[in-house]
Amino acid sequence: MTSVRPSQTPVTLSIVMAVLNEADNILPVCQELAGVLDGFPENTEILAIDDGSTDATVEKLLEARRQYLPNLRILSHPRRLGKSAALRTGATAAHGEWMATIDGDGQDDPSSIIRMLELARSASSKPPLVVGVRRKRNDRLSRRVATKLANGLRRRLLNDGCPDTGAPLKLFSREMFLRIPQFEGVHRFLPALLGHYGAPLICHEVQHRARLHGSSKYTNFNRALVGIRDLLGVMWLQNRTHLPDRLTEH
């Protein structure tokens, strides 16, 4: 069971869940998270970032804290700022050495984070980015096709080596995440951006499930329009960001 964090106790893992209008999904998602807490380090914290929901998402989060996750931290944006902004809010507020991201729609299996953390902590080089690659997408055909095309284009142009860059389940060094530039859509480019900062990539197959309730907040069309612009921006960032391989102090 996750315990209250004493002020001097380091946090190993921060699980950050960005949510927008997920009132129908929050309770079962938090209940499932509570059911796998024993597999996480004792000093794990869970944060839910509400990105300006207009439904009862915050009320349901408060209910989830009463029923399942007594130490759940809940932060709210006053208006919708986007998923990447919500993840940045979570990273800034979190205390963990490692940060894991999960969606609030029930499509992700939170128990996958346990193995992803093991892979990250056993890495022998720099802190890696572990991506939960979705083995079999549980979405409608049009979205699966659009995602496959987008992933293929990103891989070809950014050479990031990741077959599923938009996967919600990711685990990485929180400190390294806070070093990269912030823009809406950055969560879809973490393999390229964190890789540019020296983070090795580990791909781990995970289960992907159908949404519990509701539908995606994005359409294939608006994803495509924004994605092309963001892709060009990331290519520019890669070209203009120069980092030393090593430093010598005299």
C-alpha atoms as a PDB file:
ATOM      1  CA  MET A   1       0.000   0.000   0.000  1.00  0.00           C
ATOM      2  CA  THR A   2       1.343   3.440  -0.908  1.00  0.00           C
ATOM      3  CA  SER A   3       2.120   5.377   2.256  1.00  0.00           C
ATOM      4  CA  VAL A   4       2.190   9.056   3.079  1.00  0.00           C
ATOM      5  CA  ARG A   5       5.539  10.479   2.064  1.00  0.00           C
ATOM      6  CA  PRO A   6       7.567  11.798   4.995  1.00  0.00           C
ATOM      7  CA  SER A   7       9.298  15.029   4.082  1.00  0.00           C
ATOM      8  CA  GLN A   8      12.768  13.444   4.110  1.00  0.00           C
ATOM      9  CA  THR A   9      11.874  10.149   2.429  1.00  0.00           C
ATOM     10  CA  PRO A  10      12.917   9.970  -1.262  1.00  0.00           C
ATOM     11  CA  VAL A  11      10.240   8.798  -3.664  1.00  0.00           C
ATOM     12  CA  THR A  12      11.275   6.060  -6.095  1.00  0.00           C
ATOM     13  CA  LEU A  13       8.321   6.207  -8.473  1.00  0.00           C
ATOM     14  CA  SER A  14       5.733   8.834  -9.394  1.00  0.00           C
ATOM     15  CA  ILE A  15       2.786   7.549 -11.438  1.00  0.00           C
ATOM     16  CA  VAL A  16       1.215  10.463 -13.313  1.00  0.00           C
ATOM     17  CA  MET A  17      -2.227  10.165 -14.883  1.00  0.00           C
ATOM     18  CA  ALA A  18      -3.439  13.022 -17.091  1.00  0.00           C
ATOM     19  CA  VAL A  19      -7.241  13.054 -17.395  1.00  0.00           C
ATOM     20  CA  LEU A  20      -9.835  15.030 -19.318  1.00  0.00           C
ATOM     21  CA  ASN A  21     -13.552  14.337 -18.956  1.00  0.00           C
ATOM     22  CA  GLU A  22     -13.072  10.772 -17.715  1.00  0.00           C
ATOM     23  CA  ALA A  23     -15.727  10.799 -14.980  1.00  0.00           C
ATOM     24  CA  ASP A  24     -17.119   7.414 -16.060  1.00  0.00           C
ATOM     25  CA  ASN A  25     -13.679   5.771 -16.048  1.00  0.00           C
ATOM     26  CA  ILE A  26     -11.836   7.198 -13.055  1.00  0.00           C
ATOM     27  CA  LEU A  27     -13.227   4.984 -10.306  1.00  0.00           C
ATOM     28  CA  PRO A  28     -12.460   1.618 -11.967  1.00  0.00           C
ATOM     29  CA  VAL A  29      -9.038   2.866 -13.110  1.00  0.00           C
ATOM     30  CA  CYS A  30      -8.116   3.979  -9.585  1.00  0.00           C
ATOM     31  CA  GLN A  31      -9.524   0.766  -8.129  1.00  0.00           C
ATOM     32  CA  GLU A  32      -7.285  -1.241 -10.467  1.00  0.00           C
ATOM     33  CA  LEU A  33      -4.286   0.896  -9.538  1.00  0.00           C
ATOM     34  CA  ALA A  34      -4.990   0.286  -5.855  1.00  0.00           C
ATOM     35  CA  GLY A  35      -5.110  -3.450  -6.542  1.00  0.00           C
ATOM     36  CA  VAL A  36      -1.535  -3.558  -7.875  1.00  0.00           C
ATOM     37  CA  LEU A  37       0.110  -1.172  -5.386  1.00  0.00           C
ATOM     38  CA  ASP A  38       1.829  -4.018  -3.562  1.00  0.00           C
ATOM     39  CA  GLY A  39       3.945  -4.601  -6.684  1.00  0.00           C
ATOM     40  CA  PHE A  40       5.349  -1.047  -6.616  1.00  0.00           C
ATOM     41  CA  PRO A  41       8.074   0.281  -4.314  1.00  0.00           C
ATOM     42  CA  GLU A  42       6.664   1.285  -0.935  1.00  0.00           C
ATOM     43  CA  ASN A  43       7.585   4.919  -1.516  1.00  0.00           C
ATOM     44  CA  THR A  44       5.465   5.285  -4.676  1.00  0.00           C
ATOM     45  CA  GLU A  45       3.199   8.291  -5.217  1.00  0.00           C
ATOM     46  CA  ILE A  46       0.242   8.634  -7.595  1.00  0.00           C
ATOM     47  CA  LEU A  47      -0.805  11.956  -9.110  1.00  0.00           C
ATOM     48  CA  ALA A  48      -3.907  12.684 -11.164  1.00  0.00           C
ATOM     49  CA  ILE A  49      -3.760  15.841 -13.266  1.00  0.00           C
ATOM     50  CA  ASP A  50      -7.165  17.097 -14.392  1.00  0.00           C
ATOM     51  CA  ASP A  51      -6.773  19.083 -17.601  1.00  0.00           C
ATOM     52  CA  GLY A  52      -9.771  21.389 -17.214  1.00  0.00           C
ATOM     53  CA  SER A  53     -12.517  18.761 -17.278  1.00  0.00           C
ATOM     54  CA  THR A  54     -16.081  20.002 -17.701  1.00  0.00           C
ATOM     55  CA  ASP A  55     -17.729  16.878 -16.281  1.00  0.00           C
ATOM     56  CA  ALA A  56     -17.542  15.295 -12.810  1.00  0.00           C
ATOM     57  CA  THR A  57     -13.954  14.039 -13.207  1.00  0.00           C
ATOM     58  CA  VAL A  58     -12.615  15.934 -10.173  1.00  0.00           C
ATOM     59  CA  GLU A  59     -15.510  14.789  -7.996  1.00  0.00           C
ATOM     60  CA  LYS A  60     -14.861  11.194  -9.051  1.00  0.00           C
ATOM     61  CA  LEU A  61     -11.145  11.595  -8.299  1.00  0.00           C
ATOM     62  CA  LEU A  62     -12.015  12.804  -4.801  1.00  0.00           C
ATOM     63  CA  GLU A  63     -14.289   9.791  -4.410  1.00  0.00           C
ATOM     64  CA  ALA A  64     -11.485   7.509  -5.637  1.00  0.00           C
ATOM     65  CA  ARG A  65      -9.198   9.001  -2.996  1.00  0.00           C
ATOM     66  CA  ARG A  66     -11.752   8.259  -0.308  1.00  0.00           C
ATOM     67  CA  GLN A  67     -12.424   4.724  -1.498  1.00  0.00           C
ATOM     68  CA  TYR A  68      -9.221   3.341  -3.034  1.00  0.00           C
ATOM     69  CA  LEU A  69      -6.184   5.640  -2.964  1.00  0.00           C
ATOM     70  CA  PRO A  70      -6.046   7.642   0.273  1.00  0.00           C
ATOM     71  CA  ASN A  71      -2.812   9.370  -0.737  1.00  0.00           C
ATOM     72  CA  LEU A  72      -3.824  10.215  -4.306  1.00  0.00           C
ATOM     73  CA  ARG A  73      -2.616  13.711  -5.199  1.00  0.00           C
ATOM     74  CA  ILE A  74      -5.099  15.636  -7.370  1.00  0.00           C
ATOM     75  CA  LEU A  75      -4.116  18.755  -9.307  1.00  0.00           C
ATOM     76  CA  SER A  76      -6.371  20.682 -11.693  1.00  0.00           C
ATOM     77  CA  HIS A  77      -5.794  23.070 -14.581  1.00  0.00           C
ATOM     78  CA  PRO A  78      -8.318  25.928 -14.726  1.00  0.00           C
ATOM     79  CA  ARG A  79      -8.878  25.178 -18.420  1.00  0.00           C
ATOM     80  CA  ARG A  80      -7.796  22.640 -20.994  1.00  0.00           C
ATOM     81  CA  LEU A  81      -4.102  23.028 -21.787  1.00  0.00           C
ATOM     82  CA  GLY A  82      -3.376  19.647 -23.386  1.00  0.00           C
ATOM     83  CA  LYS A  83      -2.007  16.304 -22.304  1.00  0.00           C
ATOM     84  CA  SER A  84       1.652  17.336 -22.514  1.00  0.00           C
ATOM     85  CA  ALA A  85       0.998  20.331 -20.268  1.00  0.00           C
ATOM     86  CA  ALA A  86      -0.756  18.037 -17.787  1.00  0.00           C
ATOM     87  CA  LEU A  87       2.204  15.653 -17.765  1.00  0.00           C
ATOM     88  CA  ARG A  88       4.558  18.587 -17.242  1.00  0.00           C
ATOM     89  CA  THR A  89       2.421  19.749 -14.325  1.00  0.00           C
ATOM     90  CA  GLY A  90       2.625  16.250 -12.880  1.00  0.00           C
ATOM     91  CA  ALA A  91       6.383  16.030 -13.370  1.00  0.00           C
ATOM     92  CA  THR A  92       6.932  19.408 -11.733  1.00  0.00           C
ATOM     93  CA  ALA A  93       4.764  18.523  -8.731  1.00  0.00           C
ATOM     94  CA  ALA A  94       6.082  14.964  -8.372  1.00  0.00           C
ATOM     95  CA  HIS A  95       9.006  13.881  -6.199  1.00  0.00           C
ATOM     96  CA  GLY A  96       9.983  10.551  -7.752  1.00  0.00           C
ATOM     97  CA  GLU A  97      13.285   9.558  -9.265  1.00  0.00           C
ATOM     98  CA  TRP A  98      11.291   7.723 -11.939  1.00  0.00           C
ATOM     99  CA  MET A  99       8.056   8.870 -13.550  1.00  0.00           C
ATOM    100  CA  ALA A 100       5.498   6.612 -15.197  1.00  0.00           C
ATOM    101  CA  THR A 101       2.606   7.865 -17.325  1.00  0.00           C
ATOM    102  CA  ILE A 102      -0.760   6.160 -17.681  1.00  0.00           C
ATOM    103  CA  ASP A 103      -4.054   7.181 -19.272  1.00  0.00           C
ATOM    104  CA  GLY A 104      -7.285   7.461 -17.327  1.00  0.00           C
ATOM    105  CA  ASP A 105      -9.549   5.648 -19.789  1.00  0.00           C
ATOM    106  CA  GLY A 106      -8.887   2.077 -18.673  1.00  0.00           C
ATOM    107  CA  GLN A 107      -7.004   1.021 -21.808  1.00  0.00           C
ATOM    108  CA  ASP A 108      -3.694   0.602 -19.954  1.00  0.00           C
ATOM    109  CA  ASP A 109      -2.881  -2.223 -17.538  1.00  0.00           C
ATOM    110  CA  PRO A 110      -1.153  -0.549 -14.560  1.00  0.00           C
ATOM    111  CA  SER A 111       0.568  -3.786 -13.563  1.00  0.00           C
ATOM    112  CA  SER A 112       2.791  -3.334 -16.640  1.00  0.00           C
ATOM    113  CA  ILE A 113       4.529  -0.475 -14.843  1.00  0.00           C
ATOM    114  CA  ILE A 114       6.008  -2.939 -12.355  1.00  0.00           C
ATOM    115  CA  ARG A 115       8.046  -4.711 -15.031  1.00  0.00           C
ATOM    116  CA  MET A 116       8.867  -1.440 -16.790  1.00  0.00           C
ATOM    117  CA  LEU A 117      10.404  -0.084 -13.585  1.00  0.00           C
ATOM    118  CA  GLU A 118      12.437  -3.276 -13.163  1.00  0.00           C
ATOM    119  CA  LEU A 119      13.796  -2.852 -16.698  1.00  0.00           C
ATOM    120  CA  ALA A 120      14.680   0.793 -16.069  1.00  0.00           C
ATOM    121  CA  ARG A 121      16.425   0.144 -12.751  1.00  0.00           C
ATOM    122  CA  SER A 122      18.454  -2.743 -14.164  1.00  0.00           C
ATOM    123  CA  ALA A 123      19.815  -0.690 -17.083  1.00  0.00           C
ATOM    124  CA  SER A 124      23.572  -0.369 -16.897  1.00  0.00           C
ATOM    125  CA  SER A 125      23.942   2.928 -18.751  1.00  0.00           C
ATOM    126  CA  LYS A 126      22.110   6.243 -18.477  1.00  0.00           C
ATOM    127  CA  PRO A 127      18.507   6.174 -17.196  1.00  0.00           C
ATOM    128  CA  PRO A 128      16.484   4.755 -20.094  1.00  0.00           C
ATOM    129  CA  LEU A 129      13.090   5.520 -21.546  1.00  0.00           C
ATOM    130  CA  VAL A 130      10.881   2.426 -21.288  1.00  0.00           C
ATOM    131  CA  VAL A 131       7.943   2.473 -23.711  1.00  0.00           C
ATOM    132  CA  GLY A 132       4.989   0.136 -23.236  1.00  0.00           C
ATOM    133  CA  VAL A 133       4.518  -0.872 -26.867  1.00  0.00           C
ATOM    134  CA  ARG A 134       0.919  -1.915 -27.459  1.00  0.00           C
ATOM    135  CA  ARG A 135       0.984  -5.485 -28.727  1.00  0.00           C
ATOM    136  CA  LYS A 136      -2.518  -5.393 -30.217  1.00  0.00           C
ATOM    137  CA  ARG A 137      -4.397  -2.109 -30.481  1.00  0.00           C
ATOM    138  CA  ASN A 138      -7.946  -2.258 -29.189  1.00  0.00           C
ATOM    139  CA  ASP A 139      -9.194   0.702 -31.234  1.00  0.00           C
ATOM    140  CA  ARG A 140     -11.311   1.086 -34.338  1.00  0.00           C
ATOM    141  CA  LEU A 141      -9.637   0.253 -37.654  1.00  0.00           C
ATOM    142  CA  SER A 142      -9.348   3.856 -38.883  1.00  0.00           C
ATOM    143  CA  ARG A 143      -7.452   4.877 -35.754  1.00  0.00           C
ATOM    144  CA  ARG A 144      -5.141   1.861 -35.919  1.00  0.00           C
ATOM    145  CA  VAL A 145      -4.291   2.651 -39.549  1.00  0.00           C
ATOM    146  CA  ALA A 146      -3.731   6.352 -38.800  1.00  0.00           C
ATOM    147  CA  THR A 147      -1.480   5.511 -35.849  1.00  0.00           C
ATOM    148  CA  LYS A 148       0.537   3.022 -37.884  1.00  0.00           C
ATOM    149  CA  LEU A 149       1.123   5.597 -40.619  1.00  0.00           C
ATOM    150  CA  ALA A 150       2.055   8.302 -38.107  1.00  0.00           C
ATOM    151  CA  ASN A 151       4.462   6.021 -36.241  1.00  0.00           C
ATOM    152  CA  GLY A 152       6.079   4.960 -39.500  1.00  0.00           C
ATOM    153  CA  LEU A 153       6.590   8.549 -40.606  1.00  0.00           C
ATOM    154  CA  ARG A 154       8.042   9.576 -37.235  1.00  0.00           C
ATOM    155  CA  ARG A 155      10.419   6.609 -37.195  1.00  0.00           C
ATOM    156  CA  ARG A 156      11.659   7.362 -40.687  1.00  0.00           C
ATOM    157  CA  LEU A 157      12.194  11.103 -40.197  1.00  0.00           C
ATOM    158  CA  LEU A 158      13.361  11.134 -36.559  1.00  0.00           C
ATOM    159  CA  ASN A 159      15.141   7.765 -36.523  1.00  0.00           C
ATOM    160  CA  ASP A 160      13.929   7.184 -32.964  1.00  0.00           C
ATOM    161  CA  GLY A 161      13.765   3.385 -33.214  1.00  0.00           C
ATOM    162  CA  CYS A 162      10.363   3.172 -31.490  1.00  0.00           C
ATOM    163  CA  PRO A 163       7.428   1.350 -33.139  1.00  0.00           C
ATOM    164  CA  ASP A 164       4.798   3.019 -30.920  1.00  0.00           C
ATOM    165  CA  THR A 165       5.832   6.536 -29.950  1.00  0.00           C
ATOM    166  CA  GLY A 166       2.310   7.537 -28.912  1.00  0.00           C
ATOM    167  CA  ALA A 167       1.972   4.716 -26.377  1.00  0.00           C
ATOM    168  CA  PRO A 168       0.473   6.103 -23.138  1.00  0.00           C
ATOM    169  CA  LEU A 169       2.489   3.787 -20.858  1.00  0.00           C
ATOM    170  CA  LYS A 170       5.993   5.206 -20.541  1.00  0.00           C
ATOM    171  CA  LEU A 171       8.566   5.266 -17.762  1.00  0.00           C
ATOM    172  CA  PHE A 172      11.605   7.551 -17.597  1.00  0.00           C
ATOM    173  CA  SER A 173      13.817   9.708 -15.412  1.00  0.00           C
ATOM    174  CA  ARG A 174      11.687  12.589 -14.153  1.00  0.00           C
ATOM    175  CA  GLU A 175      14.736  14.868 -14.003  1.00  0.00           C
ATOM    176  CA  MET A 176      15.596  14.161 -17.629  1.00  0.00           C
ATOM    177  CA  PHE A 177      11.991  14.742 -18.716  1.00  0.00           C
ATOM    178  CA  LEU A 178      12.050  18.191 -17.114  1.00  0.00           C
ATOM    179  CA  ARG A 179      15.165  19.064 -19.128  1.00  0.00           C
ATOM    180  CA  ILE A 180      13.524  18.734 -22.537  1.00  0.00           C
ATOM    181  CA  PRO A 181      11.593  21.640 -24.121  1.00  0.00           C
ATOM    182  CA  GLN A 182       7.878  21.803 -23.302  1.00  0.00           C
ATOM    183  CA  PHE A 183       5.263  21.997 -26.063  1.00  0.00           C
ATOM    184  CA  GLU A 184       1.883  20.395 -26.596  1.00  0.00           C
ATOM    185  CA  GLY A 185       2.434  17.002 -28.206  1.00  0.00           C
ATOM    186  CA  VAL A 186       5.847  16.410 -26.614  1.00  0.00           C
ATOM    187  CA  HIS A 187       4.580  13.134 -25.094  1.00  0.00           C
ATOM    188  CA  ARG A 188       4.404  11.651 -28.614  1.00  0.00           C
ATOM    189  CA  PHE A 189       8.066  12.462 -29.292  1.00  0.00           C
ATOM    190  CA  LEU A 190       9.771  11.275 -26.107  1.00  0.00           C
ATOM    191  CA  PRO A 191      11.824   8.528 -27.826  1.00  0.00           C
ATOM    192  CA  ALA A 192      13.385  11.126 -30.142  1.00  0.00           C
ATOM    193  CA  LEU A 193      13.789  13.909 -27.574  1.00  0.00           C
ATOM    194  CA  LEU A 194      14.980  11.862 -24.600  1.00  0.00           C
ATOM    195  CA  GLY A 195      17.186   9.866 -26.947  1.00  0.00           C
ATOM    196  CA  HIS A 196      18.807  13.115 -28.040  1.00  0.00           C
ATOM    197  CA  TYR A 197      19.611  13.716 -24.364  1.00  0.00           C
ATOM    198  CA  GLY A 198      21.251  10.315 -24.121  1.00  0.00           C
ATOM    199  CA  ALA A 199      18.421   8.135 -22.773  1.00  0.00           C
ATOM    200  CA  PRO A 200      18.575   4.581 -24.190  1.00  0.00           C
ATOM    201  CA  LEU A 201      15.271   3.182 -25.455  1.00  0.00           C
ATOM    202  CA  ILE A 202      13.722   0.000 -24.081  1.00  0.00           C
ATOM    203  CA  CYS A 203      10.538  -1.285 -25.747  1.00  0.00           C
ATOM    204  CA  HIS A 204       8.354  -3.538 -23.613  1.00  0.00           C
ATOM    205  CA  GLU A 205       5.213  -5.185 -25.002  1.00  0.00           C
ATOM    206  CA  VAL A 206       2.064  -4.447 -23.009  1.00  0.00           C
ATOM    207  CA  GLN A 207      -1.608  -5.297 -23.190  1.00  0.00           C
ATOM    208  CA  HIS A 208      -3.934  -2.732 -24.726  1.00  0.00           C
ATOM    209  CA  ARG A 209      -7.633  -2.787 -23.918  1.00  0.00           C
ATOM    210  CA  ALA A 210     -10.789  -1.108 -25.157  1.00  0.00           C
ATOM    211  CA  ARG A 211     -11.869   2.100 -23.426  1.00  0.00           C
ATOM    212  CA  LEU A 212     -14.162   1.474 -20.488  1.00  0.00           C
ATOM    213  CA  HIS A 213     -16.515   4.323 -21.439  1.00  0.00           C
ATOM    214  CA  GLY A 214     -16.607   7.259 -23.816  1.00  0.00           C
ATOM    215  CA  SER A 215     -14.442   8.033 -26.809  1.00  0.00           C
ATOM    216  CA  SER A 216     -11.048   9.534 -27.575  1.00  0.00           C
ATOM    217  CA  LYS A 217     -10.653  13.294 -27.233  1.00  0.00           C
ATOM    218  CA  TYR A 218      -8.822  13.436 -30.578  1.00  0.00           C
ATOM    219  CA  THR A 219      -9.829  12.714 -34.161  1.00  0.00           C
ATOM    220  CA  ASN A 220      -7.540  11.258 -36.807  1.00  0.00           C
ATOM    221  CA  PHE A 221      -7.762  14.539 -38.732  1.00  0.00           C
ATOM    222  CA  ASN A 222      -6.714  16.887 -35.919  1.00  0.00           C
ATOM    223  CA  ARG A 223      -3.983  14.451 -34.836  1.00  0.00           C
ATOM    224  CA  ALA A 224      -2.601  14.495 -38.394  1.00  0.00           C
ATOM    225  CA  LEU A 225      -2.637  18.286 -38.741  1.00  0.00           C
ATOM    226  CA  VAL A 226      -0.981  18.934 -35.383  1.00  0.00           C
ATOM    227  CA  GLY A 227       1.345  15.946 -35.729  1.00  0.00           C
ATOM    228  CA  ILE A 228       2.906  17.172 -38.981  1.00  0.00           C
ATOM    229  CA  ARG A 229       3.616  20.593 -37.492  1.00  0.00           C
ATOM    230  CA  ASP A 230       5.058  19.048 -34.330  1.00  0.00           C
ATOM    231  CA  LEU A 231       7.176  16.616 -36.337  1.00  0.00           C
ATOM    232  CA  LEU A 232       8.797  19.483 -38.223  1.00  0.00           C
ATOM    233  CA  GLY A 233       9.379  21.282 -34.913  1.00  0.00           C
ATOM    234  CA  VAL A 234      11.070  18.251 -33.340  1.00  0.00           C
ATOM    235  CA  MET A 235      13.297  17.840 -36.397  1.00  0.00           C
ATOM    236  CA  TRP A 236      14.322  21.489 -35.962  1.00  0.00           C
ATOM    237  CA  LEU A 237      14.980  20.964 -32.230  1.00  0.00           C
ATOM    238  CA  GLN A 238      17.148  17.926 -32.904  1.00  0.00           C
ATOM    239  CA  ASN A 239      19.143  19.859 -35.445  1.00  0.00           C
ATOM    240  CA  ARG A 240      19.618  22.892 -33.206  1.00  0.00           C
ATOM    241  CA  THR A 241      20.217  21.178 -29.840  1.00  0.00           C
ATOM    242  CA  HIS A 242      23.922  20.511 -29.314  1.00  0.00           C
ATOM    243  CA  LEU A 243      24.920  18.596 -26.194  1.00  0.00           C
ATOM    244  CA  PRO A 244      28.418  17.512 -25.100  1.00  0.00           C
ATOM    245  CA  ASP A 245      29.147  13.794 -24.956  1.00  0.00           C
ATOM    246  CA  ARG A 246      31.151  14.333 -21.785  1.00  0.00           C
ATOM    247  CA  LEU A 247      32.486  17.137 -19.630  1.00  0.00           C
ATOM    248  CA  THR A 248      35.959  17.763 -18.248  1.00  0.00           C
ATOM    249  CA  GLU A 249      36.276  19.859 -15.106  1.00  0.00           C
ATOM    250  CA  HIS A 250      39.657  21.539 -14.540  1.00  0.00           C
END
